[in-house]
Amino acid sequence: MNDSPDARKKDRQAAALLASASIIVAFAIYWSLEIQAVREMLELAYG
């Protein structure tokens, strides 16, 4: 294999971008579900 340093750097950047995007999406999904659960509990508590 003849991987240049630039190719390895781009691969690492792409992997970091993918990992970061995955974490951000998971964070957004988690908090949207938490907010939905809180709204349901408040609706049950106060009608």
C-alpha atoms as a PDB file:
ATOM      1  CA  MET A   1       0.000   0.000   0.000  1.00  0.00           C
ATOM      2  CA  ASN A   2       1.168   3.459  -0.838  1.00  0.00           C
ATOM      3  CA  ASP A   3      -0.856   5.698   1.465  1.00  0.00           C
ATOM      4  CA  SER A   4       0.295   9.253   1.385  1.00  0.00           C
ATOM      5  CA  PRO A   5       0.173  11.343   4.562  1.00  0.00           C
ATOM      6  CA  ASP A   6      -2.496  13.518   2.952  1.00  0.00           C
ATOM      7  CA  ALA A   7      -4.722  10.509   2.275  1.00  0.00           C
ATOM      8  CA  ARG A   8      -4.336   9.279   5.850  1.00  0.00           C
ATOM      9  CA  LYS A   9      -5.105  12.761   7.166  1.00  0.00           C
ATOM     10  CA  LYS A  10      -8.265  12.970   5.048  1.00  0.00           C
ATOM     11  CA  ASP A  11      -9.332   9.497   6.233  1.00  0.00           C
ATOM     12  CA  ARG A  12      -8.862  10.529   9.857  1.00  0.00           C
ATOM     13  CA  GLN A  13     -10.766  13.770   9.292  1.00  0.00           C
ATOM     14  CA  ALA A  14     -13.619  11.890   7.634  1.00  0.00           C
ATOM     15  CA  ALA A  15     -13.744   9.396  10.508  1.00  0.00           C
ATOM     16  CA  ALA A  16     -13.736  12.204  13.072  1.00  0.00           C
ATOM     17  CA  LEU A  17     -16.499  14.034  11.203  1.00  0.00           C
ATOM     18  CA  LEU A  18     -18.617  10.893  11.020  1.00  0.00           C
ATOM     19  CA  ALA A  19     -18.121  10.129  14.711  1.00  0.00           C
ATOM     20  CA  SER A  20     -18.950  13.713  15.701  1.00  0.00           C
ATOM     21  CA  ALA A  21     -22.046  13.799  13.531  1.00  0.00           C
ATOM     22  CA  SER A  22     -23.216  10.478  14.986  1.00  0.00           C
ATOM     23  CA  ILE A  23     -22.789  11.748  18.530  1.00  0.00           C
ATOM     24  CA  ILE A  24     -24.641  14.993  17.771  1.00  0.00           C
ATOM     25  CA  VAL A  25     -27.540  13.135  16.118  1.00  0.00           C
ATOM     26  CA  ALA A  26     -27.782  10.689  19.024  1.00  0.00           C
ATOM     27  CA  PHE A  27     -27.715  13.627  21.470  1.00  0.00           C
ATOM     28  CA  ALA A  28     -30.538  15.377  19.603  1.00  0.00           C
ATOM     29  CA  ILE A  29     -32.678  12.221  19.475  1.00  0.00           C
ATOM     30  CA  TYR A  30     -32.116  11.510  23.169  1.00  0.00           C
ATOM     31  CA  TRP A  31     -33.095  15.004  24.266  1.00  0.00           C
ATOM     32  CA  SER A  32     -36.126  15.160  21.993  1.00  0.00           C
ATOM     33  CA  LEU A  33     -37.374  11.930  23.580  1.00  0.00           C
ATOM     34  CA  GLU A  34     -36.675  13.294  27.063  1.00  0.00           C
ATOM     35  CA  ILE A  35     -38.594  16.500  26.322  1.00  0.00           C
ATOM     36  CA  GLN A  36     -41.498  14.483  24.958  1.00  0.00           C
ATOM     37  CA  ALA A  37     -41.572  12.367  28.134  1.00  0.00           C
ATOM     38  CA  VAL A  38     -41.569  15.453  30.353  1.00  0.00           C
ATOM     39  CA  ARG A  39     -44.430  16.985  28.389  1.00  0.00           C
ATOM     40  CA  GLU A  40     -46.439  13.771  28.772  1.00  0.00           C
ATOM     41  CA  MET A  41     -45.792  13.721  32.527  1.00  0.00           C
ATOM     42  CA  LEU A  42     -46.829  17.369  32.862  1.00  0.00           C
ATOM     43  CA  GLU A  43     -49.979  16.663  30.888  1.00  0.00           C
ATOM     44  CA  LEU A  44     -50.816  13.770  33.199  1.00  0.00           C
ATOM     45  CA  ALA A  45     -50.093  15.889  36.278  1.00  0.00           C
ATOM     46  CA  TYR A  46     -51.966  19.030  35.268  1.00  0.00           C
ATOM     47  CA  GLY A  47     -54.370  17.840  32.620  1.00  0.00           C
END
